[in-house]
Each structure stands twice: as structure tokens, then as C-alpha cells.
């Protein structure tokens, strides 16, 4: 079976080259599913550094803000952290994959191209779209680079 080419579009540091890293990245993906049928999605790839930051922010919101400000993500984030402690490599925030913009968590502190490619391949396999080994094509960002930031472990 021929390899499926997945186009990766990103405006963060990892798009510049494989040696760059980031706490999280928004990556737009495009691939052909068959005759005139294309998949276009925009996952956010998140490393453990940003995961811990999100957990701390959620805890702070629960402590300091009224219940209508809470979004209920803390339990899901803690579930992902627990899965990572057991050696799981990738995890999803939304297990039902309802949106085309999933949060895919990677069990490593910072994201690089290899981690993003692995996360996207895992996600597409889980979704039932990818049946063979993928090939990735990164679009070079011309112009501006957006540097994602995270508050880190302690806030």
C-alpha cells in the first residue's frame, strides 16, 4: 500500500526545523482520503510542560473563581497525567473525537517535529483514517513565527 502524505502546516518554531522545540503547537493537517475527499483538521499538540501548567491553572480557577467559570477539564487533565505516569505515549482530551480541533497530548516535556508527527499519525490511526505508514510534508513558514508560551509547572 502506498504511503499517505500528510501536509503539516504550523507557524511555530517546530515548523522551521526538526531541532526546534515548543511547549505546545497548533498544527493544521491536510491529507487526501480518496477521490476528491480531503481531511483538514487543526490539532493542538501539547507536551507535559504545558499539561502541568494547564492543571495548575485549572486548580487556581477552582480555588479563586465562582463555579460558572469552571470548565470541568481538571479531571480530564489529571486522567492524562495519570496515563502518562503509566507509560502511555499519547492521549486525547476529548475521547469521542467530536471536533476537528483535538487536543493531543504527548508524553514528553517539549514538542518537536518528530513528536508532532507521531501524535498526528496516532490520532489519525485512532480515528480510522490512516491505514498505512504516513509520510509528512512540512510547509515552511514564510514571514512571522508565533512562539507558544506556557506558564510552566508552578504559577
Protein backbone atom coordinates (compact mmCIF):
# COMPACT_ATOMS: atom_id res chain seq x y z
CA UNK A 1 0.00 0.00 0.00
CA UNK A 2 1.31 3.46 -0.88
CA UNK A 3 2.29 5.86 1.86
CA UNK A 4 -0.21 8.61 2.60
CA UNK A 5 1.29 12.09 2.57
CA UNK A 6 0.15 14.34 5.39
CA UNK A 7 0.78 18.04 4.91
CA UNK A 8 1.75 19.75 8.19
CA UNK A 9 1.17 23.48 8.44
CA UNK A 10 2.44 25.29 11.51
CA UNK A 11 3.62 28.79 12.34
CA UNK A 12 5.57 27.88 15.47
CA UNK A 13 9.25 27.12 15.98
CA UNK A 14 8.96 23.43 15.05
CA UNK A 15 7.97 24.40 11.51
CA UNK A 16 11.37 25.99 10.98
CA UNK A 17 13.33 22.79 11.53
CA UNK A 18 13.49 19.47 13.35
CA UNK A 19 15.87 20.76 16.03
CA UNK A 20 13.39 23.31 17.46
CA UNK A 21 11.05 22.62 20.38
CA UNK A 22 7.98 24.18 21.92
CA UNK A 23 5.70 23.51 24.95
CA UNK A 24 2.68 23.16 22.61
CA UNK A 25 1.86 23.78 18.96
CA UNK A 26 -1.19 24.34 16.81
CA UNK A 27 -0.68 22.27 13.67
CA UNK A 28 -3.03 22.20 10.71
CA UNK A 29 -3.06 18.93 8.83
CA UNK A 30 -4.29 18.10 5.35
CA UNK A 31 -4.39 14.72 3.64
CA UNK A 32 -6.27 13.07 0.81
CA UNK A 33 -8.70 10.32 1.84
CA UNK A 34 -9.68 9.27 -1.65
CA UNK A 35 -11.26 10.67 -4.76
CA UNK A 36 -11.82 14.38 -4.12
CA UNK A 37 -12.15 13.80 -0.40
CA UNK A 38 -9.71 15.70 1.81
CA UNK A 39 -9.27 15.73 5.54
CA UNK A 40 -8.47 19.10 7.09
CA UNK A 41 -8.06 19.39 10.84
CA UNK A 42 -6.22 21.57 13.32
CA UNK A 43 -4.98 19.66 16.35
CA UNK A 44 -3.15 21.26 19.24
CA UNK A 45 -0.17 19.12 20.19
CA UNK A 46 0.62 19.54 23.90
CA UNK A 47 3.68 18.41 25.88
CA UNK A 48 3.86 17.59 29.58
CA UNK A 49 5.29 21.02 30.46
CA UNK A 50 2.12 22.70 29.16
CA UNK A 51 -0.05 19.91 30.62
CA UNK A 52 1.22 20.68 34.13
CA UNK A 53 0.65 24.38 33.51
CA UNK A 54 -2.96 23.68 32.45
CA UNK A 55 -3.52 21.55 35.57
CA UNK A 56 -2.19 24.32 37.81
CA UNK A 57 -4.37 26.93 36.08
CA UNK A 58 -7.47 24.75 36.49
CA UNK A 59 -6.69 24.25 40.19
CA UNK A 60 -6.27 28.01 40.63
CA UNK A 61 -9.59 28.68 38.88
CA UNK A 62 -11.35 26.21 41.20
CA UNK A 63 -9.82 27.92 44.25
CA UNK A 64 -10.34 31.54 43.26
CA UNK A 65 -13.33 31.82 40.91
CA UNK A 66 -17.05 31.07 41.06
CA UNK A 67 -18.40 27.73 39.72
CA UNK A 68 -19.66 29.22 36.42
CA UNK A 69 -16.01 29.93 35.43
CA UNK A 70 -15.02 26.28 35.74
CA UNK A 71 -14.99 24.17 32.57
CA UNK A 72 -14.52 20.72 34.12
CA UNK A 73 -11.26 19.96 32.33
CA UNK A 74 -9.28 19.34 35.50
CA UNK A 75 -10.41 15.70 35.80
CA UNK A 76 -9.53 15.05 32.15
CA UNK A 77 -6.11 16.67 32.55
CA UNK A 78 -5.42 14.61 35.67
CA UNK A 79 -6.52 11.47 33.79
CA UNK A 80 -3.98 12.24 31.05
CA UNK A 81 -1.22 12.86 33.60
CA UNK A 82 -2.05 9.53 35.24
CA UNK A 83 -1.94 7.73 31.87
CA UNK A 84 1.47 9.27 31.17
CA UNK A 85 2.81 8.05 34.52
CA UNK A 86 1.86 4.52 33.36
CA UNK A 87 3.93 4.93 30.19
CA UNK A 88 1.24 5.85 27.65
CA UNK A 89 2.80 7.83 24.80
CA UNK A 90 -0.21 9.83 23.50
CA UNK A 91 -3.60 10.85 24.93
CA UNK A 92 -6.67 12.82 23.86
CA UNK A 93 -8.55 15.39 25.91
CA UNK A 94 -11.79 14.60 24.02
CA UNK A 95 -12.04 10.81 23.85
CA UNK A 96 -15.03 10.96 21.48
CA UNK A 97 -13.11 12.97 18.84
CA UNK A 98 -16.12 15.17 18.10
CA UNK A 99 -14.22 18.18 16.75
CA UNK A 100 -11.67 18.70 14.02
CA UNK A 101 -9.50 20.54 16.54
CA UNK A 102 -8.47 17.92 19.09
CA UNK A 103 -6.00 18.41 21.90
CA UNK A 104 -3.42 15.63 21.51
CA UNK A 105 -1.09 15.25 24.48
CA UNK A 106 2.42 13.81 24.07
CA UNK A 107 4.33 12.20 26.92
CA UNK A 108 7.42 14.36 26.62
CA UNK A 109 8.19 17.75 28.07
CA UNK A 110 8.54 19.74 24.84
CA UNK A 111 7.18 19.14 21.33
CA UNK A 112 9.39 18.82 18.27
CA UNK A 113 8.60 17.74 14.70
CA UNK A 114 9.04 14.05 15.44
CA UNK A 115 6.64 14.23 18.41
CA UNK A 116 4.08 16.18 16.37
CA UNK A 117 4.29 13.68 13.52
CA UNK A 118 3.91 10.75 15.91
CA UNK A 119 0.92 12.39 17.62
CA UNK A 120 -0.83 13.13 14.30
CA UNK A 121 -0.21 9.61 12.98
CA UNK A 122 -1.52 8.10 16.24
CA UNK A 123 -4.60 10.33 16.16
CA UNK A 124 -5.42 9.52 12.52
CA UNK A 125 -4.98 5.79 13.17
CA UNK A 126 -7.27 6.04 16.21
CA UNK A 127 -9.80 7.91 14.10
CA UNK A 128 -9.68 5.16 11.45
CA UNK A 129 -8.38 7.38 8.65
CA UNK A 130 -4.78 6.17 8.47
CA UNK A 131 -4.21 2.57 7.48
CA UNK A 132 -0.55 2.67 6.37
CA UNK A 133 2.73 4.30 7.36
CA UNK A 134 2.41 8.06 6.70
CA UNK A 135 4.86 10.45 5.06
CA UNK A 136 4.95 14.02 6.37
CA UNK A 137 5.47 17.20 4.41
CA UNK A 138 6.10 20.37 6.42
CA UNK A 139 5.22 23.72 4.90
CA UNK A 140 7.95 26.24 5.56
CA UNK A 141 6.51 29.29 7.36
CA UNK A 142 7.37 32.40 5.41
CA UNK A 143 7.30 35.59 7.40
CA UNK A 144 6.32 35.50 11.06
CA UNK A 145 6.83 32.76 13.61
CA UNK A 146 4.45 32.54 16.59
CA UNK A 147 6.17 31.30 19.73
CA UNK A 148 3.79 29.43 22.06
CA UNK A 149 4.33 30.07 25.73
CA UNK A 150 3.34 28.16 28.83
CA UNK A 151 3.35 29.22 32.45
CA UNK A 152 5.25 26.11 33.46
CA UNK A 153 4.81 23.90 36.47
CA UNK A 154 4.35 26.49 39.23
CA UNK A 155 2.20 29.60 39.00
